[in-house]
Amino acid sequence: MTKAELKKRALGHDLLRVLAKADELGLATRVEVTDAEREEIRKANDYYADKEFEYFNVISAVTGYSKLPNLTVMDQLAQRLVSGLHDGCLNAQ
C-alpha cells in the first residue's frame, strides 16, 4: 500500500482489518502467522479498539486484565514481522 492509501485510514486502528489486508497482499510469502498468533492479535484488538493500552480501565484492572493477549507470543510475532518485512519496507516506494 502507498503512504497515501494508508493516510486515508481505510484500515483505521483495527488490527484484524490490518491483518486481513496484509494476508490479501501476501504476508504469508514473508512471514507465517499461526492460528494461535491470530487469536492473540484478536485479543489485542479488543483492548486496542477500546484504547485500553492508552487509558486506564478500572474493570480490566480489577479483573487482572484477564483477556490480555499473551505478550510473549505477541513479542515473538512482532520480532518475526520486523525481520521478515524489513527489506520489503525499505524497498517500497
PDB file of N, CA and C in Angstrom:
ATOM      1  N   MET A   1       0.839  -1.176   0.000  1.00  0.00           N
ATOM      2  CA  MET A   1       0.000   0.000   0.000  1.00  0.00           C
ATOM      3  C   MET A   1       0.883   1.238   0.000  1.00  0.00           C
ATOM      4  N   THR A   2       0.408   2.267  -0.636  1.00  0.00           N
ATOM      5  CA  THR A   2       1.153   3.520  -0.646  1.00  0.00           C
ATOM      6  C   THR A   2       0.888   4.290   0.640  1.00  0.00           C
ATOM      7  N   LYS A   3       1.724   5.285   0.908  1.00  0.00           N
ATOM      8  CA  LYS A   3       1.500   6.137   2.072  1.00  0.00           C
ATOM      9  C   LYS A   3       0.151   6.838   1.968  1.00  0.00           C
ATOM     10  N   ALA A   4      -0.189   7.268   0.760  1.00  0.00           N
ATOM     11  CA  ALA A   4      -1.467   7.953   0.557  1.00  0.00           C
ATOM     12  C   ALA A   4      -2.637   7.043   0.921  1.00  0.00           C
ATOM     13  N   GLU A   5      -2.553   5.771   0.544  1.00  0.00           N
ATOM     14  CA  GLU A   5      -3.618   4.825   0.876  1.00  0.00           C
ATOM     15  C   GLU A   5      -3.710   4.624   2.387  1.00  0.00           C
ATOM     16  N   LEU A   6      -2.563   4.556   3.029  1.00  0.00           N
ATOM     17  CA  LEU A   6      -2.561   4.373   4.477  1.00  0.00           C
ATOM     18  C   LEU A   6      -3.115   5.602   5.194  1.00  0.00           C
ATOM     19  N   LYS A   7      -2.843   6.783   4.658  1.00  0.00           N
ATOM     20  CA  LYS A   7      -3.327   8.013   5.286  1.00  0.00           C
ATOM     21  C   LYS A   7      -4.834   8.159   5.187  1.00  0.00           C
ATOM     22  N   LYS A   8      -5.463   7.452   4.262  1.00  0.00           N
ATOM     23  CA  LYS A   8      -6.915   7.523   4.131  1.00  0.00           C
ATOM     24  C   LYS A   8      -7.617   6.844   5.300  1.00  0.00           C
ATOM     25  N   ARG A   9      -6.852   6.143   6.101  1.00  0.00           N
ATOM     26  CA  ARG A   9      -7.377   5.454   7.286  1.00  0.00           C
ATOM     27  C   ARG A   9      -8.406   4.383   6.954  1.00  0.00           C
ATOM     28  N   ALA A  10      -8.278   3.807   5.792  1.00  0.00           N
ATOM     29  CA  ALA A  10      -9.210   2.746   5.398  1.00  0.00           C
ATOM     30  C   ALA A  10      -9.157   1.578   6.371  1.00  0.00           C
ATOM     31  N   LEU A  11      -7.994   1.342   6.939  1.00  0.00           N
ATOM     32  CA  LEU A  11      -7.839   0.232   7.878  1.00  0.00           C
ATOM     33  C   LEU A  11      -8.049   0.687   9.317  1.00  0.00           C
ATOM     34  N   GLY A  12      -7.945   1.984   9.527  1.00  0.00           N
ATOM     35  CA  GLY A  12      -8.108   2.522  10.871  1.00  0.00           C
ATOM     36  C   GLY A  12      -7.121   1.903  11.841  1.00  0.00           C
ATOM     37  N   HIS A  13      -7.563   1.720  13.043  1.00  0.00           N
ATOM     38  CA  HIS A  13      -6.737   1.100  14.075  1.00  0.00           C
ATOM     39  C   HIS A  13      -7.267  -0.288  14.409  1.00  0.00           C
ATOM     40  N   ASP A  14      -7.828  -0.938  13.426  1.00  0.00           N
ATOM     41  CA  ASP A  14      -8.397  -2.271  13.603  1.00  0.00           C
ATOM     42  C   ASP A  14      -7.337  -3.303  13.207  1.00  0.00           C
ATOM     43  N   LEU A  15      -6.750  -3.943  14.189  1.00  0.00           N
ATOM     44  CA  LEU A  15      -5.665  -4.890  13.927  1.00  0.00           C
ATOM     45  C   LEU A  15      -6.120  -6.066  13.080  1.00  0.00           C
ATOM     46  N   LEU A  16      -7.373  -6.457  13.205  1.00  0.00           N
ATOM     47  CA  LEU A  16      -7.879  -7.576  12.401  1.00  0.00           C
ATOM     48  C   LEU A  16      -8.029  -7.180  10.934  1.00  0.00           C
ATOM     49  N   ARG A  17      -8.455  -5.945  10.689  1.00  0.00           N
ATOM     50  CA  ARG A  17      -8.525  -5.466   9.295  1.00  0.00           C
ATOM     51  C   ARG A  17      -7.133  -5.328   8.709  1.00  0.00           C
ATOM     52  N   VAL A  18      -6.196  -4.852   9.514  1.00  0.00           N
ATOM     53  CA  VAL A  18      -4.811  -4.728   9.055  1.00  0.00           C
ATOM     54  C   VAL A  18      -4.256  -6.102   8.706  1.00  0.00           C
ATOM     55  N   LEU A  19      -4.496  -7.084   9.554  1.00  0.00           N
ATOM     56  CA  LEU A  19      -4.018  -8.438   9.297  1.00  0.00           C
ATOM     57  C   LEU A  19      -4.670  -9.023   8.049  1.00  0.00           C
ATOM     58  N   ALA A  20      -5.968  -8.816   7.885  1.00  0.00           N
ATOM     59  CA  ALA A  20      -6.670  -9.322   6.695  1.00  0.00           C
ATOM     60  C   ALA A  20      -6.099  -8.691   5.425  1.00  0.00           C
ATOM     61  N   LYS A  21      -5.815  -7.397   5.470  1.00  0.00           N
ATOM     62  CA  LYS A  21      -5.237  -6.715   4.301  1.00  0.00           C
ATOM     63  C   LYS A  21      -3.827  -7.239   4.039  1.00  0.00           C
ATOM     64  N   ALA A  22      -3.066  -7.452   5.084  1.00  0.00           N
ATOM     65  CA  ALA A  22      -1.714  -7.998   4.933  1.00  0.00           C
ATOM     66  C   ALA A  22      -1.773  -9.394   4.314  1.00  0.00           C
ATOM     67  N   ASP A  23      -2.732 -10.197   4.754  1.00  0.00           N
ATOM     68  CA  ASP A  23      -2.917 -11.525   4.164  1.00  0.00           C
ATOM     69  C   ASP A  23      -3.237 -11.397   2.677  1.00  0.00           C
ATOM     70  N   GLU A  24      -4.129 -10.486   2.363  1.00  0.00           N
ATOM     71  CA  GLU A  24      -4.530 -10.260   0.970  1.00  0.00           C
ATOM     72  C   GLU A  24      -3.337  -9.836   0.105  1.00  0.00           C
ATOM     73  N   LEU A  25      -2.414  -9.092   0.704  1.00  0.00           N
ATOM     74  CA  LEU A  25      -1.244  -8.597  -0.031  1.00  0.00           C
ATOM     75  C   LEU A  25      -0.063  -9.569  -0.005  1.00  0.00           C
ATOM     76  N   GLY A  26      -0.262 -10.752   0.591  1.00  0.00           N
ATOM     77  CA  GLY A  26       0.772 -11.781   0.529  1.00  0.00           C
ATOM     78  C   GLY A  26       1.691 -11.875   1.721  1.00  0.00           C
ATOM     79  N   LEU A  27       1.215 -11.520   2.880  1.00  0.00           N
ATOM     80  CA  LEU A  27       2.035 -11.606   4.093  1.00  0.00           C
ATOM     81  C   LEU A  27       2.685 -12.977   4.240  1.00  0.00           C
ATOM     82  N   ALA A  28       1.937 -14.037   3.933  1.00  0.00           N
ATOM     83  CA  ALA A  28       2.434 -15.404   4.147  1.00  0.00           C
ATOM     84  C   ALA A  28       3.677 -15.720   3.324  1.00  0.00           C
ATOM     85  N   THR A  29       3.936 -14.945   2.272  1.00  0.00           N
ATOM     86  CA  THR A  29       5.153 -15.186   1.484  1.00  0.00           C
ATOM     87  C   THR A  29       6.399 -14.720   2.226  1.00  0.00           C
ATOM     88  N   ARG A  30       6.201 -13.903   3.247  1.00  0.00           N
ATOM     89  CA  ARG A  30       7.343 -13.379   4.006  1.00  0.00           C
ATOM     90  C   ARG A  30       7.343 -13.827   5.464  1.00  0.00           C
ATOM     91  N   VAL A  31       6.150 -13.892   6.050  1.00  0.00           N
ATOM     92  CA  VAL A  31       6.027 -14.251   7.472  1.00  0.00           C
ATOM     93  C   VAL A  31       4.772 -15.094   7.652  1.00  0.00           C
ATOM     94  N   GLU A  32       4.927 -16.248   8.290  1.00  0.00           N
ATOM     95  CA  GLU A  32       3.787 -17.105   8.609  1.00  0.00           C
ATOM     96  C   GLU A  32       3.209 -16.665   9.958  1.00  0.00           C
ATOM     97  N   VAL A  33       1.914 -16.427   9.989  1.00  0.00           N
ATOM     98  CA  VAL A  33       1.228 -16.079  11.233  1.00  0.00           C
ATOM     99  C   VAL A  33       0.329 -17.264  11.571  1.00  0.00           C
ATOM    100  N   THR A  34       0.604 -17.889  12.705  1.00  0.00           N
ATOM    101  CA  THR A  34      -0.135 -19.091  13.089  1.00  0.00           C
ATOM    102  C   THR A  34      -1.541 -18.745  13.583  1.00  0.00           C
ATOM    103  N   ASP A  35      -2.379 -19.759  13.670  1.00  0.00           N
ATOM    104  CA  ASP A  35      -3.725 -19.569  14.209  1.00  0.00           C
ATOM    105  C   ASP A  35      -3.660 -19.085  15.654  1.00  0.00           C
ATOM    106  N   ALA A  36      -2.719 -19.615  16.425  1.00  0.00           N
ATOM    107  CA  ALA A  36      -2.571 -19.191  17.821  1.00  0.00           C
ATOM    108  C   ALA A  36      -2.171 -17.717  17.895  1.00  0.00           C
ATOM    109  N   GLU A  37      -1.304 -17.276  17.003  1.00  0.00           N
ATOM    110  CA  GLU A  37      -0.901 -15.865  16.973  1.00  0.00           C
ATOM    111  C   GLU A  37      -2.063 -14.981  16.540  1.00  0.00           C
ATOM    112  N   ARG A  38      -2.852 -15.464  15.597  1.00  0.00           N
ATOM    113  CA  ARG A  38      -4.035 -14.713  15.153  1.00  0.00           C
ATOM    114  C   ARG A  38      -5.024 -14.532  16.306  1.00  0.00           C
ATOM    115  N   GLU A  39      -5.138 -15.534  17.147  1.00  0.00           N
ATOM    116  CA  GLU A  39      -6.016 -15.426  18.319  1.00  0.00           C
ATOM    117  C   GLU A  39      -5.488 -14.362  19.280  1.00  0.00           C
ATOM    118  N   GLU A  40      -4.188 -14.299  19.456  1.00  0.00           N
ATOM    119  CA  GLU A  40      -3.607 -13.279  20.340  1.00  0.00           C
ATOM    120  C   GLU A  40      -3.796 -11.886  19.744  1.00  0.00           C
ATOM    121  N   ILE A  41      -3.716 -11.775  18.415  1.00  0.00           N
ATOM    122  CA  ILE A  41      -3.977 -10.495  17.753  1.00  0.00           C
ATOM    123  C   ILE A  41      -5.432 -10.087  17.981  1.00  0.00           C
ATOM    124  N   ARG A  42      -6.345 -11.053  17.909  1.00  0.00           N
ATOM    125  CA  ARG A  42      -7.757 -10.759  18.172  1.00  0.00           C
ATOM    126  C   ARG A  42      -7.943 -10.220  19.587  1.00  0.00           C
ATOM    127  N   LYS A  43      -7.289 -10.850  20.547  1.00  0.00           N
ATOM    128  CA  LYS A  43      -7.373 -10.379  21.932  1.00  0.00           C
ATOM    129  C   LYS A  43      -6.805  -8.967  22.050  1.00  0.00           C
ATOM    130  N   ALA A  44      -5.658  -8.744  21.422  1.00  0.00           N
ATOM    131  CA  ALA A  44      -5.040  -7.414  21.467  1.00  0.00           C
ATOM    132  C   ALA A  44      -5.953  -6.383  20.831  1.00  0.00           C
ATOM    133  N   ASN A  45      -6.628  -6.771  19.752  1.00  0.00           N
ATOM    134  CA  ASN A  45      -7.520  -5.848  19.061  1.00  0.00           C
ATOM    135  C   ASN A  45      -8.668  -5.399  19.958  1.00  0.00           C
ATOM    136  N   ASP A  46      -9.158  -6.303  20.786  1.00  0.00           N
ATOM    137  CA  ASP A  46     -10.235  -5.941  21.712  1.00  0.00           C
ATOM    138  C   ASP A  46      -9.780  -4.818  22.654  1.00  0.00           C
ATOM    139  N   TYR A  47      -8.572  -4.929  23.175  1.00  0.00           N
ATOM    140  CA  TYR A  47      -8.031  -3.884  24.051  1.00  0.00           C
ATOM    141  C   TYR A  47      -7.725  -2.623  23.247  1.00  0.00           C
ATOM    142  N   TYR A  48      -7.120  -2.819  22.089  1.00  0.00           N
ATOM    143  CA  TYR A  48      -6.692  -1.690  21.256  1.00  0.00           C
ATOM    144  C   TYR A  48      -7.888  -0.869  20.787  1.00  0.00           C
ATOM    145  N   ALA A  49      -8.957  -1.528  20.386  1.00  0.00           N
ATOM    146  CA  ALA A  49     -10.152  -0.834  19.900  1.00  0.00           C
ATOM    147  C   ALA A  49     -10.773   0.037  20.986  1.00  0.00           C
ATOM    148  N   ASP A  50     -10.679  -0.399  22.223  1.00  0.00           N
ATOM    149  CA  ASP A  50     -11.232   0.363  23.345  1.00  0.00           C
ATOM    150  C   ASP A  50     -10.195   1.297  23.977  1.00  0.00           C
ATOM    151  N   LYS A  51      -9.040   1.424  23.323  1.00  0.00           N
ATOM    152  CA  LYS A  51      -7.947   2.294  23.788  1.00  0.00           C
ATOM    153  C   LYS A  51      -7.462   1.936  25.195  1.00  0.00           C
ATOM    154  N   GLU A  52      -7.598   0.665  25.541  1.00  0.00           N
ATOM    155  CA  GLU A  52      -7.190   0.244  26.879  1.00  0.00           C
ATOM    156  C   GLU A  52      -5.673   0.157  27.032  1.00  0.00           C
ATOM    157  N   PHE A  53      -4.941   0.203  25.932  1.00  0.00           N
ATOM    158  CA  PHE A  53      -3.486   0.258  26.049  1.00  0.00           C
ATOM    159  C   PHE A  53      -3.050   1.686  26.359  1.00  0.00           C
ATOM    160  N   GLU A  54      -3.950   2.648  26.130  1.00  0.00           N
ATOM    161  CA  GLU A  54      -3.627   4.054  26.370  1.00  0.00           C
ATOM    162  C   GLU A  54      -4.231   4.580  27.665  1.00  0.00           C
ATOM    163  N   TYR A  55      -5.432   4.144  27.971  1.00  0.00           N
ATOM    164  CA  TYR A  55      -6.167   4.691  29.104  1.00  0.00           C
ATOM    165  C   TYR A  55      -6.510   3.599  30.109  1.00  0.00           C
ATOM    166  N   PHE A  56      -6.441   3.970  31.357  1.00  0.00           N
ATOM    167  CA  PHE A  56      -6.733   3.049  32.454  1.00  0.00           C
ATOM    168  C   PHE A  56      -8.198   2.645  32.422  1.00  0.00           C
ATOM    169  N   ASN A  57      -8.468   1.350  32.560  1.00  0.00           N
ATOM    170  CA  ASN A  57      -9.829   0.836  32.616  1.00  0.00           C
ATOM    171  C   ASN A  57      -9.986   0.088  33.942  1.00  0.00           C
ATOM    172  N   VAL A  58     -10.819   0.602  34.802  1.00  0.00           N
ATOM    173  CA  VAL A  58     -10.967   0.049  36.147  1.00  0.00           C
ATOM    174  C   VAL A  58     -11.385  -1.417  36.113  1.00  0.00           C
ATOM    175  N   ILE A  59     -12.368  -1.765  35.282  1.00  0.00           N
ATOM    176  CA  ILE A  59     -12.862  -3.145  35.247  1.00  0.00           C
ATOM    177  C   ILE A  59     -11.758  -4.101  34.801  1.00  0.00           C
ATOM    178  N   SER A  60     -11.023  -3.726  33.785  1.00  0.00           N
ATOM    179  CA  SER A  60      -9.923  -4.589  33.335  1.00  0.00           C
ATOM    180  C   SER A  60      -8.874  -4.750  34.420  1.00  0.00           C
ATOM    181  N   ALA A  61      -8.578  -3.664  35.110  1.00  0.00           N
ATOM    182  CA  ALA A  61      -7.569  -3.722  36.172  1.00  0.00           C
ATOM    183  C   ALA A  61      -8.035  -4.606  37.324  1.00  0.00           C
ATOM    184  N   VAL A  62      -9.284  -4.460  37.712  1.00  0.00           N
ATOM    185  CA  VAL A  62      -9.823  -5.234  38.834  1.00  0.00           C
ATOM    186  C   VAL A  62      -9.851  -6.724  38.501  1.00  0.00           C
ATOM    187  N   THR A  63     -10.118  -7.055  37.248  1.00  0.00           N
ATOM    188  CA  THR A  63     -10.160  -8.465  36.856  1.00  0.00           C
ATOM    189  C   THR A  63      -8.780  -8.984  36.456  1.00  0.00           C
ATOM    190  N   GLY A  64      -7.758  -8.172  36.677  1.00  0.00           N
ATOM    191  CA  GLY A  64      -6.387  -8.612  36.408  1.00  0.00           C
ATOM    192  C   GLY A  64      -6.075  -8.731  34.926  1.00  0.00           C
ATOM    193  N   TYR A  65      -6.732  -7.906  34.118  1.00  0.00           N
ATOM    194  CA  TYR A  65      -6.516  -7.935  32.665  1.00  0.00           C
ATOM    195  C   TYR A  65      -6.595  -9.366  32.148  1.00  0.00           C
ATOM    196  N   SER A  66      -7.653 -10.052  32.523  1.00  0.00           N
ATOM    197  CA  SER A  66      -7.801 -11.477  32.236  1.00  0.00           C
ATOM    198  C   SER A  66      -7.886 -11.818  30.749  1.00  0.00           C
ATOM    199  N   LYS A  67      -8.232 -10.858  29.928  1.00  0.00           N
ATOM    200  CA  LYS A  67      -8.348 -11.128  28.492  1.00  0.00           C
ATOM    201  C   LYS A  67      -7.174 -10.562  27.698  1.00  0.00           C
ATOM    202  N   LEU A  68      -6.142 -10.156  28.394  1.00  0.00           N
ATOM    203  CA  LEU A  68      -4.955  -9.605  27.748  1.00  0.00           C
ATOM    204  C   LEU A  68      -4.288 -10.680  26.897  1.00  0.00           C
ATOM    205  N   PRO A  69      -3.789 -10.323  25.715  1.00  0.00           N
ATOM    206  CA  PRO A  69      -3.103 -11.316  24.898  1.00  0.00           C
ATOM    207  C   PRO A  69      -1.800 -11.754  25.572  1.00  0.00           C
ATOM    208  N   ASN A  70      -1.314 -12.898  25.160  1.00  0.00           N
ATOM    209  CA  ASN A  70      -0.044 -13.403  25.660  1.00  0.00           C
ATOM    210  C   ASN A  70       1.059 -12.515  25.084  1.00  0.00           C
ATOM    211  N   LEU A  71       1.688 -11.741  25.950  1.00  0.00           N
ATOM    212  CA  LEU A  71       2.666 -10.758  25.485  1.00  0.00           C
ATOM    213  C   LEU A  71       3.937 -11.396  24.939  1.00  0.00           C
ATOM    214  N   THR A  72       4.264 -12.572  25.410  1.00  0.00           N
ATOM    215  CA  THR A  72       5.430 -13.276  24.865  1.00  0.00           C
ATOM    216  C   THR A  72       5.164 -13.672  23.422  1.00  0.00           C
ATOM    217  N   VAL A  73       3.985 -14.200  23.154  1.00  0.00           N
ATOM    218  CA  VAL A  73       3.608 -14.571  21.785  1.00  0.00           C
ATOM    219  C   VAL A  73       3.598 -13.334  20.896  1.00  0.00           C
ATOM    220  N   MET A  74       3.027 -12.242  21.394  1.00  0.00           N
ATOM    221  CA  MET A  74       2.958 -11.007  20.614  1.00  0.00           C
ATOM    222  C   MET A  74       4.354 -10.463  20.321  1.00  0.00           C
ATOM    223  N   ASP A  75       5.237 -10.525  21.301  1.00  0.00           N
ATOM    224  CA  ASP A  75       6.600 -10.042  21.110  1.00  0.00           C
ATOM    225  C   ASP A  75       7.334 -10.881  20.074  1.00  0.00           C
ATOM    226  N   GLN A  76       7.218 -12.190  20.162  1.00  0.00           N
ATOM    227  CA  GLN A  76       7.877 -13.066  19.194  1.00  0.00           C
ATOM    228  C   GLN A  76       7.353 -12.827  17.783  1.00  0.00           C
ATOM    229  N   LEU A  77       6.043 -12.639  17.654  1.00  0.00           N
ATOM    230  CA  LEU A  77       5.456 -12.346  16.349  1.00  0.00           C
ATOM    231  C   LEU A  77       5.955 -11.007  15.832  1.00  0.00           C
ATOM    232  N   ALA A  78       5.980 -10.004  16.687  1.00  0.00           N
ATOM    233  CA  ALA A  78       6.455  -8.679  16.274  1.00  0.00           C
ATOM    234  C   ALA A  78       7.895  -8.752  15.766  1.00  0.00           C
ATOM    235  N   GLN A  79       8.736  -9.509  16.449  1.00  0.00           N
ATOM    236  CA  GLN A  79      10.128  -9.658  16.014  1.00  0.00           C
ATOM    237  C   GLN A  79      10.212 -10.339  14.650  1.00  0.00           C
ATOM    238  N   ARG A  80       9.384 -11.365  14.434  1.00  0.00           N
ATOM    239  CA  ARG A  80       9.379 -12.050  13.134  1.00  0.00           C
ATOM    240  C   ARG A  80       8.857 -11.139  12.028  1.00  0.00           C
ATOM    241  N   LEU A  81       7.840 -10.332  12.348  1.00  0.00           N
ATOM    242  CA  LEU A  81       7.302  -9.403  11.366  1.00  0.00           C
ATOM    243  C   LEU A  81       8.357  -8.366  10.965  1.00  0.00           C
ATOM    244  N   VAL A  82       9.026  -7.800  11.938  1.00  0.00           N
ATOM    245  CA  VAL A  82      10.061  -6.809  11.637  1.00  0.00           C
ATOM    246  C   VAL A  82      11.154  -7.434  10.786  1.00  0.00           C
ATOM    247  N   SER A  83      11.608  -8.601  11.175  1.00  0.00           N
ATOM    248  CA  SER A  83      12.669  -9.281  10.428  1.00  0.00           C
ATOM    249  C   SER A  83      12.216  -9.660   9.021  1.00  0.00           C
ATOM    250  N   GLY A  84      11.032 -10.229   8.905  1.00  0.00           N
ATOM    251  CA  GLY A  84      10.549 -10.715   7.620  1.00  0.00           C
ATOM    252  C   GLY A  84      10.117  -9.627   6.659  1.00  0.00           C
ATOM    253  N   LEU A  85       9.720  -8.470   7.188  1.00  0.00           N
ATOM    254  CA  LEU A  85       9.213  -7.397   6.335  1.00  0.00           C
ATOM    255  C   LEU A  85      10.209  -6.262   6.134  1.00  0.00           C
ATOM    256  N   HIS A  86      11.307  -6.307   6.829  1.00  0.00           N
ATOM    257  CA  HIS A  86      12.298  -5.229   6.814  1.00  0.00           C
ATOM    258  C   HIS A  86      12.713  -4.834   5.398  1.00  0.00           C
ATOM    259  N   ASP A  87      13.215  -5.783   4.634  1.00  0.00           N
ATOM    260  CA  ASP A  87      13.700  -5.464   3.284  1.00  0.00           C
ATOM    261  C   ASP A  87      12.594  -4.961   2.385  1.00  0.00           C
ATOM    262  N   GLY A  88      11.434  -5.592   2.439  1.00  0.00           N
ATOM    263  CA  GLY A  88      10.310  -5.154   1.623  1.00  0.00           C
ATOM    264  C   GLY A  88       9.889  -3.736   1.932  1.00  0.00           C
ATOM    265  N   CYS A  89       9.925  -3.376   3.187  1.00  0.00           N
ATOM    266  CA  CYS A  89       9.566  -2.000   3.582  1.00  0.00           C
ATOM    267  C   CYS A  89      10.608  -1.005   3.082  1.00  0.00           C
ATOM    268  N   LEU A  90      11.866  -1.361   3.201  1.00  0.00           N
ATOM    269  CA  LEU A  90      12.917  -0.454   2.748  1.00  0.00           C
ATOM    270  C   LEU A  90      12.881  -0.242   1.243  1.00  0.00           C
ATOM    271  N   ASN A  91      12.436  -1.258   0.525  1.00  0.00           N
ATOM    272  CA  ASN A  91      12.402  -1.169  -0.940  1.00  0.00           C
ATOM    273  C   ASN A  91      11.071  -0.639  -1.469  1.00  0.00           C
ATOM    274  N   ALA A  92      10.135  -0.344  -0.589  1.00  0.00           N
ATOM    275  CA  ALA A  92       8.817   0.142  -1.020  1.00  0.00           C
ATOM    276  C   ALA A  92       8.936   1.570  -1.540  1.00  0.00           C
ATOM    277  N   GLN A  93       8.006   1.904  -2.407  1.00  0.00           N
ATOM    278  CA  GLN A  93       8.021   3.267  -2.960  1.00  0.00           C
ATOM    279  C   GLN A  93       7.019   4.131  -2.278  1.00  0.00           C
TER     280      GLN A  93
END
